[in-house]
Amino acid sequence: MRELTPLCWQLLLLSTLVYCSLGQGGASLSISPDRSQFFKLESVSLSCEVQGNSAGWRVKRYTVSGEGSDCGRKWGKQQGSSCIVSLISSDSGVYWCESGSGEHSNDVNITVPDGAVILESPALPVTEGDSVTLRCRYQGTPSNLTAVFYKDGSLIRTQTTGEMTIPAVSKSDEGLYKCTNSEGESPESWMTVTDLSLPASLSVSPDRSQFFKYESVSLSCEVQGNSAGWRVVRNTSRGILAECHTDWGKQQGSSCIVSLIPSHSGVYWCESGSGEHSNAVNITVPGMSTNTIY
């Protein structure tokens, strides 16, 4: 895995799942318009779509400045089941739906850069085979400037129209995208491509993304068929890639038990000897002394 920019790490490590799989609560967070980057003062609608009774569910966020709160408390305006936000730079962060009992939905990253260029790319996962259009936008005129698009730091295409279309996305299209034009460069955004035929899934117990220092977490590979050869792998925020029971974690049967410290913050997934992989999960262990986690 390539090294991520500091902003991308902040957003990814706040997020529950890189692949934005649904949580256990039967809810999902929808975003309109469906993109992850916005200009200042643009408006976005965030809605909790709940199976059954939606009472008690609310939109929450955790910003890159380390502030967590509900919609309507210093930010956002509740309108029915939706939260309407007129965005400024300090609104950049991770948003999700949560019930009063702690059940949660998928997470969505929102970035409001200080610059004048953004990349319009889907905030929610796209499914293999979908057609996806990425747009490089400038906050001003003209709107359709020649744009250069990058994936994982490598140039992939130059478009005079300012937009590029992937007719049928595949898992190989998943990654970090950005664009440049004559007015500047956009931030990077992660595009998630859902593979409906993943051979394994990584489960986390307790099922949350943030932990206090020295708390214990169990990570298990749930495999369709033979589980031999599968192991839990991680890439920490320091860019160190390793599997369980090398210099971290203790293998117990099919699970990896970790007593967490801040340097364990990172992305975890299951991987087979042949390179197949599961969904990925972000785990954050704040370094500061705090009595609150989200």
C-alpha atoms as a PDB file:
ATOM      1  CA  MET A   1       0.000   0.000   0.000  1.00  0.00           C
ATOM      2  CA  ARG A   2       1.254   3.470  -0.873  1.00  0.00           C
ATOM      3  CA  GLU A   3       1.922   6.146   1.740  1.00  0.00           C
ATOM      4  CA  LEU A   4      -1.088   8.394   2.256  1.00  0.00           C
ATOM      5  CA  THR A   5      -1.074  12.156   2.737  1.00  0.00           C
ATOM      6  CA  PRO A   6      -1.624  13.412   6.312  1.00  0.00           C
ATOM      7  CA  LEU A   7      -5.169  14.608   5.541  1.00  0.00           C
ATOM      8  CA  CYS A   8      -6.087  11.271   3.983  1.00  0.00           C
ATOM      9  CA  TRP A   9      -4.735   9.419   7.015  1.00  0.00           C
ATOM     10  CA  GLN A  10      -6.710  11.688   9.347  1.00  0.00           C
ATOM     11  CA  LEU A  11      -9.914  10.961   7.436  1.00  0.00           C
ATOM     12  CA  LEU A  12      -9.269   7.243   6.916  1.00  0.00           C
ATOM     13  CA  LEU A  13      -8.339   6.625  10.537  1.00  0.00           C
ATOM     14  CA  LEU A  14     -11.498   8.375  11.707  1.00  0.00           C
ATOM     15  CA  SER A  15     -13.616   6.232   9.416  1.00  0.00           C
ATOM     16  CA  THR A  16     -15.009   2.885  10.564  1.00  0.00           C
ATOM     17  CA  LEU A  17     -14.532   0.963   7.326  1.00  0.00           C
ATOM     18  CA  VAL A  18     -12.412   1.776   4.295  1.00  0.00           C
ATOM     19  CA  TYR A  19     -14.857  -0.131   2.169  1.00  0.00           C
ATOM     20  CA  CYS A  20     -17.792   1.577   3.875  1.00  0.00           C
ATOM     21  CA  SER A  21     -19.632  -1.661   4.630  1.00  0.00           C
ATOM     22  CA  LEU A  22     -22.871  -1.226   6.559  1.00  0.00           C
ATOM     23  CA  GLY A  23     -22.651  -1.422  10.336  1.00  0.00           C
ATOM     24  CA  GLN A  24     -24.771  -3.710  12.474  1.00  0.00           C
ATOM     25  CA  GLY A  25     -27.676  -1.338  13.048  1.00  0.00           C
ATOM     26  CA  GLY A  26     -29.627  -1.812   9.747  1.00  0.00           C
ATOM     27  CA  ALA A  27     -29.137   1.864   8.910  1.00  0.00           C
ATOM     28  CA  SER A  28     -27.337   3.610   6.237  1.00  0.00           C
ATOM     29  CA  LEU A  29     -26.202   7.196   5.797  1.00  0.00           C
ATOM     30  CA  SER A  30     -27.044   8.760   2.434  1.00  0.00           C
ATOM     31  CA  ILE A  31     -25.492  11.982   1.163  1.00  0.00           C
ATOM     32  CA  SER A  32     -26.838  14.405  -1.442  1.00  0.00           C
ATOM     33  CA  PRO A  33     -25.100  15.341  -3.630  1.00  0.00           C
ATOM     34  CA  ASP A  34     -23.142  12.069  -3.509  1.00  0.00           C
ATOM     35  CA  ARG A  35     -19.551  13.288  -3.399  1.00  0.00           C
ATOM     36  CA  SER A  36     -16.818  13.683  -0.819  1.00  0.00           C
ATOM     37  CA  GLN A  37     -15.386  17.126  -1.686  1.00  0.00           C
ATOM     38  CA  PHE A  38     -17.233  20.441  -1.516  1.00  0.00           C
ATOM     39  CA  PHE A  39     -16.484  24.127  -1.915  1.00  0.00           C
ATOM     40  CA  LYS A  40     -16.966  26.452   1.065  1.00  0.00           C
ATOM     41  CA  LEU A  41     -20.606  27.421   1.670  1.00  0.00           C
ATOM     42  CA  GLU A  42     -21.956  24.599  -0.502  1.00  0.00           C
ATOM     43  CA  SER A  43     -24.864  22.778   1.104  1.00  0.00           C
ATOM     44  CA  VAL A  44     -25.071  19.025   1.704  1.00  0.00           C
ATOM     45  CA  SER A  45     -27.955  16.871   2.948  1.00  0.00           C
ATOM     46  CA  LEU A  46     -27.176  13.871   5.183  1.00  0.00           C
ATOM     47  CA  SER A  47     -29.984  11.404   5.894  1.00  0.00           C
ATOM     48  CA  CYS A  48     -30.307   8.310   8.067  1.00  0.00           C
ATOM     49  CA  GLU A  49     -32.151   5.577   6.142  1.00  0.00           C
ATOM     50  CA  VAL A  50     -33.274   3.113   8.803  1.00  0.00           C
ATOM     51  CA  GLN A  51     -35.013  -0.261   8.464  1.00  0.00           C
ATOM     52  CA  GLY A  52     -37.961  -0.039  10.826  1.00  0.00           C
ATOM     53  CA  ASN A  53     -38.333   2.695  13.445  1.00  0.00           C
ATOM     54  CA  SER A  54     -35.962   5.617  12.860  1.00  0.00           C
ATOM     55  CA  ALA A  55     -36.647   7.192  16.271  1.00  0.00           C
ATOM     56  CA  GLY A  56     -33.468   7.828  18.219  1.00  0.00           C
ATOM     57  CA  TRP A  57     -31.172   7.837  15.192  1.00  0.00           C
ATOM     58  CA  ARG A  58     -29.125  10.966  14.525  1.00  0.00           C
ATOM     59  CA  VAL A  59     -26.338  12.150  12.257  1.00  0.00           C
ATOM     60  CA  LYS A  60     -23.025  12.462  14.071  1.00  0.00           C
ATOM     61  CA  ARG A  61     -19.568  13.553  13.000  1.00  0.00           C
ATOM     62  CA  TYR A  62     -15.940  13.604  14.083  1.00  0.00           C
ATOM     63  CA  THR A  63     -13.917  16.400  12.486  1.00  0.00           C
ATOM     64  CA  VAL A  64     -10.207  16.412  11.644  1.00  0.00           C
ATOM     65  CA  SER A  65      -9.745  18.880  14.509  1.00  0.00           C
ATOM     66  CA  GLY A  66     -10.862  16.141  16.916  1.00  0.00           C
ATOM     67  CA  GLU A  67     -14.379  17.370  17.738  1.00  0.00           C
ATOM     68  CA  GLY A  68     -17.302  14.949  17.865  1.00  0.00           C
ATOM     69  CA  SER A  69     -20.970  15.967  18.154  1.00  0.00           C
ATOM     70  CA  ASP A  70     -24.540  15.492  16.877  1.00  0.00           C
ATOM     71  CA  CYS A  71     -26.248  17.449  14.108  1.00  0.00           C
ATOM     72  CA  GLY A  72     -27.916  20.565  15.511  1.00  0.00           C
ATOM     73  CA  ARG A  73     -25.238  21.087  18.122  1.00  0.00           C
ATOM     74  CA  LYS A  74     -23.130  23.988  16.803  1.00  0.00           C
ATOM     75  CA  TRP A  75     -23.396  22.619  13.240  1.00  0.00           C
ATOM     76  CA  GLY A  76     -26.102  21.523  10.830  1.00  0.00           C
ATOM     77  CA  LYS A  77     -29.865  22.039  10.809  1.00  0.00           C
ATOM     78  CA  GLN A  78     -32.271  19.180  11.360  1.00  0.00           C
ATOM     79  CA  GLN A  79     -35.011  18.971   8.707  1.00  0.00           C
ATOM     80  CA  GLY A  80     -37.171  15.906   9.227  1.00  0.00           C
ATOM     81  CA  SER A  81     -34.889  12.863   8.987  1.00  0.00           C
ATOM     82  CA  SER A  82     -32.127  14.877   7.294  1.00  0.00           C
ATOM     83  CA  CYS A  83     -29.318  17.107   8.507  1.00  0.00           C
ATOM     84  CA  ILE A  84     -28.566  20.104   6.250  1.00  0.00           C
ATOM     85  CA  VAL A  85     -25.056  21.565   6.492  1.00  0.00           C
ATOM     86  CA  SER A  86     -23.720  24.737   4.882  1.00  0.00           C
ATOM     87  CA  LEU A  87     -20.078  23.716   4.745  1.00  0.00           C
ATOM     88  CA  ILE A  88     -16.914  25.491   5.847  1.00  0.00           C
ATOM     89  CA  SER A  89     -13.364  24.107   6.106  1.00  0.00           C
ATOM     90  CA  SER A  90     -13.736  23.093   9.771  1.00  0.00           C
ATOM     91  CA  ASP A  91     -16.625  20.776   8.748  1.00  0.00           C
ATOM     92  CA  SER A  92     -14.138  18.369   7.112  1.00  0.00           C
ATOM     93  CA  GLY A  93     -14.363  14.982   8.811  1.00  0.00           C
ATOM     94  CA  VAL A  94     -16.265  11.709   9.096  1.00  0.00           C
ATOM     95  CA  TYR A  95     -20.080  11.557   9.309  1.00  0.00           C
ATOM     96  CA  TRP A  96     -22.315   8.633  10.270  1.00  0.00           C
ATOM     97  CA  CYS A  97     -25.729   7.725  11.730  1.00  0.00           C
ATOM     98  CA  GLU A  98     -25.956   6.406  15.279  1.00  0.00           C
ATOM     99  CA  SER A  99     -28.807   5.155  17.448  1.00  0.00           C
ATOM    100  CA  GLY A 100     -29.282   5.826  21.126  1.00  0.00           C
ATOM    101  CA  SER A 101     -28.061   2.298  21.862  1.00  0.00           C
ATOM    102  CA  GLY A 102     -24.801   2.791  19.925  1.00  0.00           C
ATOM    103  CA  GLU A 103     -25.668   1.048  16.644  1.00  0.00           C
ATOM    104  CA  HIS A 104     -24.079   2.777  13.676  1.00  0.00           C
ATOM    105  CA  SER A 105     -24.275   3.070   9.917  1.00  0.00           C
ATOM    106  CA  ASN A 106     -21.632   3.325   7.232  1.00  0.00           C
ATOM    107  CA  ASP A 107     -19.258   6.297   7.428  1.00  0.00           C
ATOM    108  CA  VAL A 108     -18.845   9.095   4.880  1.00  0.00           C
ATOM    109  CA  ASN A 109     -15.785  11.341   4.575  1.00  0.00           C
ATOM    110  CA  ILE A 110     -16.382  14.995   3.701  1.00  0.00           C
ATOM    111  CA  THR A 111     -13.559  17.369   2.738  1.00  0.00           C
ATOM    112  CA  VAL A 112     -13.938  21.150   2.378  1.00  0.00           C
ATOM    113  CA  PRO A 113     -10.540  22.389   1.122  1.00  0.00           C
ATOM    114  CA  ASP A 114      -9.220  25.935   1.355  1.00  0.00           C
ATOM    115  CA  GLY A 115      -8.229  25.811  -2.332  1.00  0.00           C
ATOM    116  CA  ALA A 116     -10.335  26.645  -5.387  1.00  0.00           C
ATOM    117  CA  VAL A 117     -10.255  23.165  -7.013  1.00  0.00           C
ATOM    118  CA  ILE A 118     -12.157  20.045  -5.958  1.00  0.00           C
ATOM    119  CA  LEU A 119     -12.582  16.558  -7.371  1.00  0.00           C
ATOM    120  CA  GLU A 120     -16.168  15.420  -7.641  1.00  0.00           C
ATOM    121  CA  SER A 121     -16.042  11.685  -6.919  1.00  0.00           C
ATOM    122  CA  PRO A 122     -18.538   9.384  -5.163  1.00  0.00           C
ATOM    123  CA  ALA A 123     -18.556   9.498  -1.378  1.00  0.00           C
ATOM    124  CA  LEU A 124     -20.584   6.278  -1.162  1.00  0.00           C
ATOM    125  CA  PRO A 125     -19.288   2.936  -2.489  1.00  0.00           C
ATOM    126  CA  VAL A 126     -19.833   2.113  -6.150  1.00  0.00           C
ATOM    127  CA  THR A 127     -20.437  -1.438  -7.345  1.00  0.00           C
ATOM    128  CA  GLU A 128     -18.275  -3.273  -9.844  1.00  0.00           C
ATOM    129  CA  GLY A 129     -19.684  -2.688 -13.327  1.00  0.00           C
ATOM    130  CA  ASP A 130     -21.123   0.756 -12.528  1.00  0.00           C
ATOM    131  CA  SER A 131     -20.288   3.750 -14.710  1.00  0.00           C
ATOM    132  CA  VAL A 132     -18.538   6.503 -12.715  1.00  0.00           C
ATOM    133  CA  THR A 133     -17.680  10.060 -13.800  1.00  0.00           C
ATOM    134  CA  LEU A 134     -15.038  12.117 -11.990  1.00  0.00           C
ATOM    135  CA  ARG A 135     -15.136  15.903 -12.434  1.00  0.00           C
ATOM    136  CA  CYS A 136     -12.375  18.398 -11.741  1.00  0.00           C
ATOM    137  CA  ARG A 137     -14.144  21.621 -10.728  1.00  0.00           C
ATOM    138  CA  TYR A 138     -12.863  25.143 -10.295  1.00  0.00           C
ATOM    139  CA  GLN A 139     -14.741  27.544  -8.023  1.00  0.00           C
ATOM    140  CA  GLY A 140     -15.139  30.243 -10.630  1.00  0.00           C
ATOM    141  CA  THR A 141     -15.317  30.582 -14.408  1.00  0.00           C
ATOM    142  CA  PRO A 142     -14.669  28.935 -16.764  1.00  0.00           C
ATOM    143  CA  SER A 143     -15.957  25.666 -15.314  1.00  0.00           C
ATOM    144  CA  ASN A 144     -14.565  23.209 -17.891  1.00  0.00           C
ATOM    145  CA  LEU A 145     -10.798  23.546 -17.727  1.00  0.00           C
ATOM    146  CA  THR A 146      -8.416  20.890 -19.063  1.00  0.00           C
ATOM    147  CA  ALA A 147      -7.750  18.560 -16.144  1.00  0.00           C
ATOM    148  CA  VAL A 148      -5.146  15.932 -15.327  1.00  0.00           C
ATOM    149  CA  PHE A 149      -6.370  12.994 -13.220  1.00  0.00           C
ATOM    150  CA  TYR A 150      -4.206  10.909 -10.887  1.00  0.00           C
ATOM    151  CA  LYS A 151      -4.789   7.617  -9.070  1.00  0.00           C
ATOM    152  CA  ASP A 152      -2.551   6.598  -6.172  1.00  0.00           C
ATOM    153  CA  GLY A 153      -0.104   9.317  -7.182  1.00  0.00           C
ATOM    154  CA  SER A 154       0.247   8.232 -10.825  1.00  0.00           C
ATOM    155  CA  LEU A 155      -1.078  10.141 -13.853  1.00  0.00           C
ATOM    156  CA  ILE A 156      -3.889   8.226 -15.533  1.00  0.00           C
ATOM    157  CA  ARG A 157      -5.572  10.630 -17.958  1.00  0.00           C
ATOM    158  CA  THR A 158      -5.735  14.202 -19.304  1.00  0.00           C
ATOM    159  CA  GLN A 159      -9.177  15.450 -20.332  1.00  0.00           C
ATOM    160  CA  THR A 160      -9.952  18.755 -22.102  1.00  0.00           C
ATOM    161  CA  THR A 161     -13.541  18.572 -20.789  1.00  0.00           C
ATOM    162  CA  GLY A 162     -12.462  18.556 -17.132  1.00  0.00           C
ATOM    163  CA  GLU A 163     -14.085  15.193 -16.471  1.00  0.00           C
ATOM    164  CA  MET A 164     -13.306  11.516 -17.001  1.00  0.00           C
ATOM    165  CA  THR A 165     -15.636   8.519 -17.114  1.00  0.00           C
ATOM    166  CA  ILE A 166     -14.874   4.932 -16.115  1.00  0.00           C
ATOM    167  CA  PRO A 167     -17.539   2.986 -18.069  1.00  0.00           C
ATOM    168  CA  ALA A 168     -17.454  -0.129 -15.858  1.00  0.00           C
ATOM    169  CA  VAL A 169     -15.475   0.143 -12.627  1.00  0.00           C
ATOM    170  CA  SER A 170     -13.640  -2.865 -11.241  1.00  0.00           C
ATOM    171  CA  LYS A 171     -11.901  -3.522  -7.943  1.00  0.00           C
ATOM    172  CA  SER A 172      -8.639  -2.364  -9.540  1.00  0.00           C
ATOM    173  CA  ASP A 173     -10.161   1.131  -9.907  1.00  0.00           C
ATOM    174  CA  GLU A 174     -10.447   1.512  -6.146  1.00  0.00           C
ATOM    175  CA  GLY A 175      -7.964   3.982  -4.708  1.00  0.00           C
ATOM    176  CA  LEU A 176      -6.996   7.603  -4.058  1.00  0.00           C
ATOM    177  CA  TYR A 177      -7.855  10.070  -6.803  1.00  0.00           C
ATOM    178  CA  LYS A 178      -6.999  13.725  -7.310  1.00  0.00           C
ATOM    179  CA  CYS A 179      -6.926  16.194 -10.189  1.00  0.00           C
ATOM    180  CA  THR A 180      -5.093  19.325 -11.277  1.00  0.00           C
ATOM    181  CA  ASN A 181      -5.936  22.122 -13.687  1.00  0.00           C
ATOM    182  CA  SER A 182      -4.571  25.567 -14.447  1.00  0.00           C
ATOM    183  CA  GLU A 183      -6.108  26.933 -11.236  1.00  0.00           C
ATOM    184  CA  GLY A 184      -4.630  24.414  -8.800  1.00  0.00           C
ATOM    185  CA  GLU A 185      -4.879  20.928  -7.332  1.00  0.00           C
ATOM    186  CA  SER A 186      -7.702  19.148  -5.563  1.00  0.00           C
ATOM    187  CA  PRO A 187      -7.326  17.134  -2.335  1.00  0.00           C
ATOM    188  CA  GLU A 188      -7.220  13.347  -2.664  1.00  0.00           C
ATOM    189  CA  SER A 189     -10.398  11.289  -2.243  1.00  0.00           C
ATOM    190  CA  TRP A 190     -10.732   7.556  -1.760  1.00  0.00           C
ATOM    191  CA  MET A 191     -13.140   5.821  -4.133  1.00  0.00           C
ATOM    192  CA  THR A 192     -14.522   2.554  -2.799  1.00  0.00           C
ATOM    193  CA  VAL A 193     -15.515  -0.198  -5.242  1.00  0.00           C
ATOM    194  CA  THR A 194     -17.692  -2.902  -3.716  1.00  0.00           C
ATOM    195  CA  ASP A 195     -16.817  -6.455  -4.669  1.00  0.00           C
ATOM    196  CA  LEU A 196     -19.901  -8.510  -3.919  1.00  0.00           C
ATOM    197  CA  SER A 197     -17.942 -11.743  -4.110  1.00  0.00           C
ATOM    198  CA  LEU A 198     -15.324 -11.143  -1.413  1.00  0.00           C
ATOM    199  CA  PRO A 199     -14.151 -14.569  -0.202  1.00  0.00           C
ATOM    200  CA  ALA A 200     -13.683 -13.436   3.409  1.00  0.00           C
ATOM    201  CA  SER A 201     -14.714 -10.785   5.904  1.00  0.00           C
ATOM    202  CA  LEU A 202     -12.911  -9.270   8.884  1.00  0.00           C
ATOM    203  CA  SER A 203     -15.000  -9.032  12.045  1.00  0.00           C
ATOM    204  CA  VAL A 204     -14.081  -6.809  14.989  1.00  0.00           C
ATOM    205  CA  SER A 205     -15.112  -7.415  18.606  1.00  0.00           C
ATOM    206  CA  PRO A 206     -16.150  -5.118  20.197  1.00  0.00           C
ATOM    207  CA  ASP A 207     -17.616  -3.676  16.967  1.00  0.00           C
ATOM    208  CA  ARG A 208     -16.278  -0.106  16.958  1.00  0.00           C
ATOM    209  CA  SER A 209     -13.489   1.900  15.374  1.00  0.00           C
ATOM    210  CA  GLN A 210     -12.054   3.867  18.314  1.00  0.00           C
ATOM    211  CA  PHE A 211     -10.493   2.421  21.462  1.00  0.00           C
ATOM    212  CA  PHE A 212      -8.761   3.630  24.576  1.00  0.00           C
ATOM    213  CA  LYS A 213      -5.099   2.795  25.114  1.00  0.00           C
ATOM    214  CA  TYR A 214      -4.596  -0.780  26.430  1.00  0.00           C
ATOM    215  CA  GLU A 215      -8.120  -1.911  25.499  1.00  0.00           C
ATOM    216  CA  SER A 216      -8.215  -5.340  23.873  1.00  0.00           C
ATOM    217  CA  VAL A 217      -9.773  -6.071  20.489  1.00  0.00           C
ATOM    218  CA  SER A 218     -10.366  -9.381  18.715  1.00  0.00           C
ATOM    219  CA  LEU A 219      -9.977  -9.500  14.921  1.00  0.00           C
ATOM    220  CA  SER A 220     -11.274 -12.606  13.128  1.00  0.00           C
ATOM    221  CA  CYS A 221     -11.210 -13.777   9.516  1.00  0.00           C
ATOM    222  CA  GLU A 222     -14.571 -15.268   8.536  1.00  0.00           C
ATOM    223  CA  VAL A 223     -13.856 -17.261   5.387  1.00  0.00           C
ATOM    224  CA  GLN A 224     -16.161 -18.945   2.893  1.00  0.00           C
ATOM    225  CA  GLY A 225     -14.754 -22.463   2.703  1.00  0.00           C
ATOM    226  CA  ASN A 226     -11.248 -23.385   3.842  1.00  0.00           C
ATOM    227  CA  SER A 227      -9.719 -20.764   6.158  1.00  0.00           C
ATOM    228  CA  ALA A 228      -6.190 -22.205   5.952  1.00  0.00           C
ATOM    229  CA  GLY A 229      -3.631 -19.632   4.877  1.00  0.00           C
ATOM    230  CA  TRP A 230      -5.687 -16.588   5.831  1.00  0.00           C
ATOM    231  CA  ARG A 231      -4.197 -14.102   8.282  1.00  0.00           C
ATOM    232  CA  VAL A 232      -4.945 -10.650   9.712  1.00  0.00           C
ATOM    233  CA  VAL A 233      -2.749  -7.930   8.190  1.00  0.00           C
ATOM    234  CA  ARG A 234      -2.464  -4.249   9.024  1.00  0.00           C
ATOM    235  CA  ASN A 235      -0.910  -1.034   7.734  1.00  0.00           C
ATOM    236  CA  THR A 236      -0.405   1.513  10.509  1.00  0.00           C
ATOM    237  CA  SER A 237      -0.482   5.293  10.222  1.00  0.00           C
ATOM    238  CA  ARG A 238       3.316   5.092  10.248  1.00  0.00           C
ATOM    239  CA  GLY A 239       3.202   3.112   7.010  1.00  0.00           C
ATOM    240  CA  ILE A 240       4.380  -0.188   8.563  1.00  0.00           C
ATOM    241  CA  LEU A 241       2.791  -3.248   6.898  1.00  0.00           C
ATOM    242  CA  ALA A 242       2.819  -6.517   8.888  1.00  0.00           C
ATOM    243  CA  GLU A 243       0.656  -9.513   9.758  1.00  0.00           C
ATOM    244  CA  CYS A 244      -0.584 -10.619  13.185  1.00  0.00           C
ATOM    245  CA  HIS A 245       1.916 -12.367  15.452  1.00  0.00           C
ATOM    246  CA  THR A 246       4.996 -10.867  13.772  1.00  0.00           C
ATOM    247  CA  ASP A 247       5.679  -7.884  16.015  1.00  0.00           C
ATOM    248  CA  TRP A 248       2.095  -7.257  17.155  1.00  0.00           C
ATOM    249  CA  GLY A 249      -0.982  -9.236  18.198  1.00  0.00           C
ATOM    250  CA  LYS A 250      -1.435 -12.752  19.572  1.00  0.00           C
ATOM    251  CA  GLN A 251      -2.968 -15.521  17.470  1.00  0.00           C
ATOM    252  CA  GLN A 252      -5.774 -17.431  19.235  1.00  0.00           C
ATOM    253  CA  GLY A 253      -7.357 -19.965  16.916  1.00  0.00           C
ATOM    254  CA  SER A 254      -8.773 -18.038  13.968  1.00  0.00           C
ATOM    255  CA  SER A 255      -8.594 -14.702  15.814  1.00  0.00           C
ATOM    256  CA  CYS A 256      -5.889 -12.106  16.436  1.00  0.00           C
ATOM    257  CA  ILE A 257      -6.018 -10.494  19.895  1.00  0.00           C
ATOM    258  CA  VAL A 258      -4.462  -7.040  20.214  1.00  0.00           C
ATOM    259  CA  SER A 259      -3.870  -4.959  23.344  1.00  0.00           C
ATOM    260  CA  LEU A 260      -3.986  -1.539  21.726  1.00  0.00           C
ATOM    261  CA  ILE A 261      -1.645   1.436  21.932  1.00  0.00           C
ATOM    262  CA  PRO A 262      -1.682   4.625  19.767  1.00  0.00           C
ATOM    263  CA  SER A 263       0.882   3.270  17.291  1.00  0.00           C
ATOM    264  CA  HIS A 264      -1.606   0.476  16.443  1.00  0.00           C
ATOM    265  CA  SER A 265      -3.914   3.001  14.724  1.00  0.00           C
ATOM    266  CA  GLY A 266      -4.283   1.941  11.107  1.00  0.00           C
ATOM    267  CA  VAL A 267      -6.081  -0.181   8.539  1.00  0.00           C
ATOM    268  CA  TYR A 268      -6.678  -3.912   9.198  1.00  0.00           C
ATOM    269  CA  TRP A 269      -7.856  -6.639   6.802  1.00  0.00           C
ATOM    270  CA  CYS A 270      -7.668 -10.398   6.119  1.00  0.00           C
ATOM    271  CA  GLU A 271      -5.414 -11.698   3.354  1.00  0.00           C
ATOM    272  CA  SER A 272      -4.764 -15.148   1.896  1.00  0.00           C
ATOM    273  CA  GLY A 273      -1.461 -16.574   0.745  1.00  0.00           C
ATOM    274  CA  SER A 274      -2.580 -16.039  -2.865  1.00  0.00           C
ATOM    275  CA  GLY A 275      -3.346 -12.342  -2.329  1.00  0.00           C
ATOM    276  CA  GLU A 276      -7.144 -12.478  -1.888  1.00  0.00           C
ATOM    277  CA  HIS A 277      -8.443 -10.001   0.659  1.00  0.00           C
ATOM    278  CA  SER A 278     -11.456  -9.134   2.799  1.00  0.00           C
ATOM    279  CA  ASN A 279     -13.056  -5.828   3.668  1.00  0.00           C
ATOM    280  CA  ALA A 280     -10.775  -3.439   5.551  1.00  0.00           C
ATOM    281  CA  VAL A 281     -11.401  -1.849   8.953  1.00  0.00           C
ATOM    282  CA  ASN A 282      -9.905   1.336  10.407  1.00  0.00           C
ATOM    283  CA  ILE A 283      -8.935   1.292  14.086  1.00  0.00           C
ATOM    284  CA  THR A 284      -7.985   4.469  15.955  1.00  0.00           C
ATOM    285  CA  VAL A 285      -6.308   4.641  19.372  1.00  0.00           C
ATOM    286  CA  PRO A 286      -6.066   8.345  20.318  1.00  0.00           C
ATOM    287  CA  GLY A 287      -2.725   9.353  21.807  1.00  0.00           C
ATOM    288  CA  MET A 288      -4.129  12.096  23.993  1.00  0.00           C
ATOM    289  CA  SER A 289      -5.670  11.534  27.391  1.00  0.00           C
ATOM    290  CA  THR A 290      -9.442  11.588  26.934  1.00  0.00           C
ATOM    291  CA  ASN A 291     -12.570  10.249  28.560  1.00  0.00           C
ATOM    292  CA  THR A 292     -14.616  10.186  25.384  1.00  0.00           C
ATOM    293  CA  ILE A 293     -14.499   8.044  22.260  1.00  0.00           C
ATOM    294  CA  TYR A 294     -16.932   7.852  19.376  1.00  0.00           C
END
